[in-house]
Each structure stands twice: as structure tokens, then as C-alpha cells.
Amino acid sequence: MKTSRTSLFTAAGIFAMSLFASSAQTANAGGLGLDWLSNKPYVECIKQARMLADVSSIVRGAVYREASFEQGRHQCNRRYYGHE
């Protein structure tokens, strides 16, 4: 009885994983708004903006971290996409 229950759960798990994998393969990143991830220079610019915001928060205080990151993000948007 215990082995049949274990095999049933295993089969259900494999079925669920195959459904998840098939749905993940058909997902379109553009529909999720993640197409900017393929723009590697832009992603690096965003990473640098976050790093500079974190470093500047040490000097200026944690309150300025998000404002500094937003300013850096807007600069990246202007540089790579022409808008904020």
C-alpha cells in the first residue's frame, strides 16, 4: 500500500512538472514586459545605477538610496530608449 501511494505521488509530481515545463516553454517574455532583459548594455547600466545608489547611501544616508537609483534608472532609460 505504501509503495503504491509513493508511486502515485511520484507520477502526479512528474505530470505536474511536465505541465509546468511545457507552459514555461511557450511563454513569451515580451508579453510579461521582460524584453528589456535581452538588452545587455541596458541591464549593465541598471546594475551600475543600483551599485552607485548603494554606495552613495553610505555617504548620504539610506534615505537617498531609492531616489539615487531612480535618477540612475531614468538616465539609463534616456540613454538606451530615448525616454524616461
N, C-alpha and C. Protein backbone atom coordinates (compact mmCIF):
# COMPACT_ATOMS: atom_id res chain seq x y z
N MET A 1 0.83 -1.19 0.00
CA MET A 1 0.00 0.00 0.00
C MET A 1 0.87 1.25 0.00
N LYS A 2 1.93 1.22 0.81
CA LYS A 2 2.78 2.39 0.91
C LYS A 2 3.52 2.65 -0.41
N THR A 3 3.96 1.58 -1.09
CA THR A 3 4.67 1.77 -2.35
C THR A 3 3.74 2.27 -3.45
N SER A 4 2.50 1.86 -3.44
CA SER A 4 1.57 2.34 -4.47
C SER A 4 1.24 3.82 -4.24
N ARG A 5 1.14 4.22 -2.99
CA ARG A 5 0.89 5.63 -2.67
C ARG A 5 2.09 6.48 -3.09
N THR A 6 3.29 5.98 -2.82
CA THR A 6 4.50 6.69 -3.21
C THR A 6 4.60 6.82 -4.72
N SER A 7 4.30 5.75 -5.43
CA SER A 7 4.36 5.81 -6.89
C SER A 7 3.28 6.74 -7.45
N LEU A 8 2.12 6.80 -6.79
CA LEU A 8 1.07 7.70 -7.23
C LEU A 8 1.51 9.15 -7.07
N PHE A 9 2.12 9.49 -5.93
CA PHE A 9 2.61 10.85 -5.72
C PHE A 9 3.75 11.18 -6.68
N THR A 10 4.59 10.22 -6.95
CA THR A 10 5.68 10.43 -7.90
C THR A 10 5.14 10.70 -9.30
N ALA A 11 4.16 9.92 -9.72
CA ALA A 11 3.56 10.11 -11.04
C ALA A 11 2.87 11.47 -11.12
N ALA A 12 2.17 11.84 -10.06
CA ALA A 12 1.50 13.15 -10.05
C ALA A 12 2.53 14.28 -10.10
N GLY A 13 3.63 14.12 -9.41
CA GLY A 13 4.68 15.13 -9.43
C GLY A 13 5.31 15.27 -10.81
N ILE A 14 5.56 14.14 -11.46
CA ILE A 14 6.15 14.17 -12.80
C ILE A 14 5.17 14.82 -13.78
N PHE A 15 3.89 14.49 -13.65
CA PHE A 15 2.88 15.09 -14.51
C PHE A 15 2.81 16.61 -14.32
N ALA A 16 2.83 17.05 -13.06
CA ALA A 16 2.77 18.48 -12.77
C ALA A 16 3.99 19.20 -13.31
N MET A 17 5.17 18.59 -13.16
CA MET A 17 6.39 19.22 -13.66
C MET A 17 6.39 19.29 -15.17
N SER A 18 5.86 18.27 -15.84
CA SER A 18 5.81 18.30 -17.31
C SER A 18 4.85 19.39 -17.79
N LEU A 19 3.73 19.57 -17.08
CA LEU A 19 2.81 20.65 -17.43
C LEU A 19 3.46 22.01 -17.23
N PHE A 20 4.19 22.17 -16.13
CA PHE A 20 4.87 23.43 -15.86
C PHE A 20 5.94 23.70 -16.90
N ALA A 21 6.70 22.69 -17.26
CA ALA A 21 7.77 22.86 -18.25
C ALA A 21 7.20 23.21 -19.61
N SER A 22 6.11 22.58 -20.00
CA SER A 22 5.54 22.88 -21.31
C SER A 22 4.94 24.29 -21.34
N SER A 23 4.37 24.74 -20.24
CA SER A 23 3.83 26.10 -20.22
C SER A 23 4.94 27.13 -20.17
N ALA A 24 6.04 26.82 -19.53
CA ALA A 24 7.17 27.75 -19.46
C ALA A 24 7.83 27.90 -20.81
N GLN A 25 7.85 26.87 -21.61
CA GLN A 25 8.48 26.94 -22.93
C GLN A 25 7.67 27.80 -23.89
N THR A 26 6.37 27.86 -23.73
CA THR A 26 5.54 28.63 -24.64
C THR A 26 5.33 30.06 -24.17
N ALA A 27 5.82 30.42 -23.01
CA ALA A 27 5.63 31.78 -22.50
C ALA A 27 6.45 32.76 -23.33
N ASN A 28 5.86 33.91 -23.59
CA ASN A 28 6.54 34.95 -24.37
C ASN A 28 7.00 36.04 -23.41
N ALA A 29 8.29 36.30 -23.37
CA ALA A 29 8.83 37.29 -22.45
C ALA A 29 8.32 38.68 -22.79
N GLY A 30 8.04 38.95 -24.05
CA GLY A 30 7.52 40.25 -24.44
C GLY A 30 6.18 40.54 -23.81
N GLY A 31 5.37 39.53 -23.63
CA GLY A 31 4.06 39.71 -23.02
C GLY A 31 4.16 40.04 -21.54
N LEU A 32 5.24 39.69 -20.92
CA LEU A 32 5.44 39.96 -19.49
C LEU A 32 6.17 41.27 -19.26
N GLY A 33 6.60 41.93 -20.30
CA GLY A 33 7.34 43.16 -20.15
C GLY A 33 8.79 42.93 -19.77
N LEU A 34 9.33 41.76 -20.11
CA LEU A 34 10.70 41.43 -19.75
C LEU A 34 11.64 41.47 -20.96
N ASP A 35 11.19 42.05 -22.06
CA ASP A 35 12.02 42.07 -23.26
C ASP A 35 13.28 42.92 -23.08
N TRP A 36 13.28 43.84 -22.12
CA TRP A 36 14.45 44.68 -21.89
C TRP A 36 15.62 43.86 -21.35
N LEU A 37 15.36 42.66 -20.83
CA LEU A 37 16.44 41.82 -20.30
C LEU A 37 17.40 41.37 -21.39
N SER A 38 16.96 41.36 -22.65
CA SER A 38 17.85 40.97 -23.73
C SER A 38 18.80 42.09 -24.14
N ASN A 39 18.57 43.30 -23.66
CA ASN A 39 19.44 44.44 -23.95
C ASN A 39 20.54 44.49 -22.88
N LYS A 40 21.63 43.78 -23.14
CA LYS A 40 22.69 43.61 -22.13
C LYS A 40 23.32 44.94 -21.69
N PRO A 41 23.60 45.90 -22.59
CA PRO A 41 24.16 47.17 -22.11
C PRO A 41 23.21 47.91 -21.17
N TYR A 42 21.91 47.83 -21.46
CA TYR A 42 20.93 48.47 -20.59
C TYR A 42 20.89 47.81 -19.22
N VAL A 43 20.94 46.49 -19.19
CA VAL A 43 20.94 45.75 -17.92
C VAL A 43 22.18 46.11 -17.10
N GLU A 44 23.32 46.22 -17.78
CA GLU A 44 24.55 46.61 -17.07
C GLU A 44 24.44 48.04 -16.53
N CYS A 45 23.80 48.92 -17.29
CA CYS A 45 23.59 50.29 -16.82
C CYS A 45 22.72 50.31 -15.57
N ILE A 46 21.67 49.50 -15.57
CA ILE A 46 20.78 49.42 -14.40
C ILE A 46 21.54 48.86 -13.19
N LYS A 47 22.37 47.83 -13.42
CA LYS A 47 23.17 47.27 -12.33
C LYS A 47 24.11 48.32 -11.76
N GLN A 48 24.73 49.09 -12.65
CA GLN A 48 25.65 50.13 -12.20
C GLN A 48 24.90 51.22 -11.43
N ALA A 49 23.70 51.57 -11.88
CA ALA A 49 22.89 52.57 -11.18
C ALA A 49 22.56 52.08 -9.77
N ARG A 50 22.24 50.79 -9.63
CA ARG A 50 21.93 50.24 -8.31
C ARG A 50 23.18 50.25 -7.42
N MET A 51 24.33 49.87 -7.99
CA MET A 51 25.56 49.85 -7.21
C MET A 51 25.92 51.26 -6.74
N LEU A 52 25.82 52.24 -7.65
CA LEU A 52 26.13 53.62 -7.26
C LEU A 52 25.15 54.14 -6.21
N ALA A 53 23.90 53.76 -6.32
CA ALA A 53 22.92 54.17 -5.31
C ALA A 53 23.24 53.56 -3.96
N ASP A 54 23.67 52.30 -3.96
CA ASP A 54 24.04 51.65 -2.69
C ASP A 54 25.26 52.30 -2.08
N VAL A 55 26.25 52.62 -2.90
CA VAL A 55 27.48 53.24 -2.39
C VAL A 55 27.20 54.66 -1.91
N SER A 56 26.40 55.41 -2.67
CA SER A 56 26.10 56.78 -2.26
C SER A 56 25.27 56.82 -0.98
N SER A 57 24.52 55.76 -0.72
CA SER A 57 23.72 55.75 0.51
C SER A 57 24.60 55.63 1.74
N ILE A 58 25.82 55.12 1.57
CA ILE A 58 26.75 55.04 2.70
C ILE A 58 27.16 56.45 3.11
N VAL A 59 27.39 57.30 2.11
CA VAL A 59 27.84 58.66 2.37
C VAL A 59 26.67 59.57 2.73
N ARG A 60 25.60 59.50 1.96
CA ARG A 60 24.49 60.44 2.12
C ARG A 60 23.40 59.93 3.05
N GLY A 61 23.37 58.65 3.32
CA GLY A 61 22.33 58.09 4.17
C GLY A 61 21.37 57.23 3.37
N ALA A 62 20.75 56.29 4.04
CA ALA A 62 19.88 55.32 3.39
C ALA A 62 18.64 55.95 2.77
N VAL A 63 18.25 57.12 3.24
CA VAL A 63 17.06 57.79 2.72
C VAL A 63 17.22 58.12 1.24
N TYR A 64 18.44 58.40 0.80
CA TYR A 64 18.69 58.81 -0.57
C TYR A 64 18.89 57.65 -1.54
N ARG A 65 18.92 56.43 -1.05
CA ARG A 65 19.21 55.27 -1.89
C ARG A 65 18.23 55.13 -3.05
N GLU A 66 16.95 55.10 -2.77
CA GLU A 66 15.96 54.90 -3.83
C GLU A 66 15.87 56.09 -4.77
N ALA A 67 16.01 57.30 -4.24
CA ALA A 67 15.99 58.48 -5.11
C ALA A 67 17.19 58.47 -6.05
N SER A 68 18.33 58.07 -5.54
CA SER A 68 19.53 57.98 -6.37
C SER A 68 19.37 56.90 -7.43
N PHE A 69 18.79 55.76 -7.07
CA PHE A 69 18.57 54.70 -8.05
C PHE A 69 17.58 55.14 -9.12
N GLU A 70 16.52 55.81 -8.74
CA GLU A 70 15.54 56.29 -9.72
C GLU A 70 16.19 57.25 -10.71
N GLN A 71 17.05 58.13 -10.21
CA GLN A 71 17.75 59.06 -11.09
C GLN A 71 18.64 58.29 -12.06
N GLY A 72 19.38 57.31 -11.57
CA GLY A 72 20.22 56.48 -12.43
C GLY A 72 19.41 55.68 -13.43
N ARG A 73 18.27 55.15 -13.02
CA ARG A 73 17.40 54.39 -13.92
C ARG A 73 16.86 55.27 -15.03
N HIS A 74 16.48 56.50 -14.69
CA HIS A 74 16.00 57.43 -15.71
C HIS A 74 17.10 57.77 -16.71
N GLN A 75 18.33 57.91 -16.23
CA GLN A 75 19.44 58.17 -17.14
C GLN A 75 19.65 56.99 -18.09
N CYS A 76 19.56 55.78 -17.58
CA CYS A 76 19.69 54.59 -18.44
C CYS A 76 18.57 54.53 -19.46
N ASN A 77 17.35 54.85 -19.05
CA ASN A 77 16.22 54.84 -19.97
C ASN A 77 16.42 55.87 -21.09
N ARG A 78 16.90 57.07 -20.72
CA ARG A 78 17.14 58.09 -21.74
C ARG A 78 18.25 57.66 -22.69
N ARG A 79 19.31 57.06 -22.15
CA ARG A 79 20.45 56.68 -22.97
C ARG A 79 20.11 55.55 -23.95
N TYR A 80 19.38 54.53 -23.49
CA TYR A 80 19.16 53.36 -24.32
C TYR A 80 17.79 53.32 -25.01
N TYR A 81 16.82 54.07 -24.51
CA TYR A 81 15.49 54.01 -25.11
C TYR A 81 14.93 55.37 -25.50
N GLY A 82 15.61 56.46 -25.15
CA GLY A 82 15.19 57.77 -25.56
C GLY A 82 14.04 58.36 -24.76
N HIS A 83 13.69 57.75 -23.65
CA HIS A 83 12.62 58.28 -22.79
C HIS A 83 12.93 57.91 -21.35
N GLU A 84 12.15 58.45 -20.45
CA GLU A 84 12.35 58.13 -19.03
C GLU A 84 11.44 57.02 -18.69
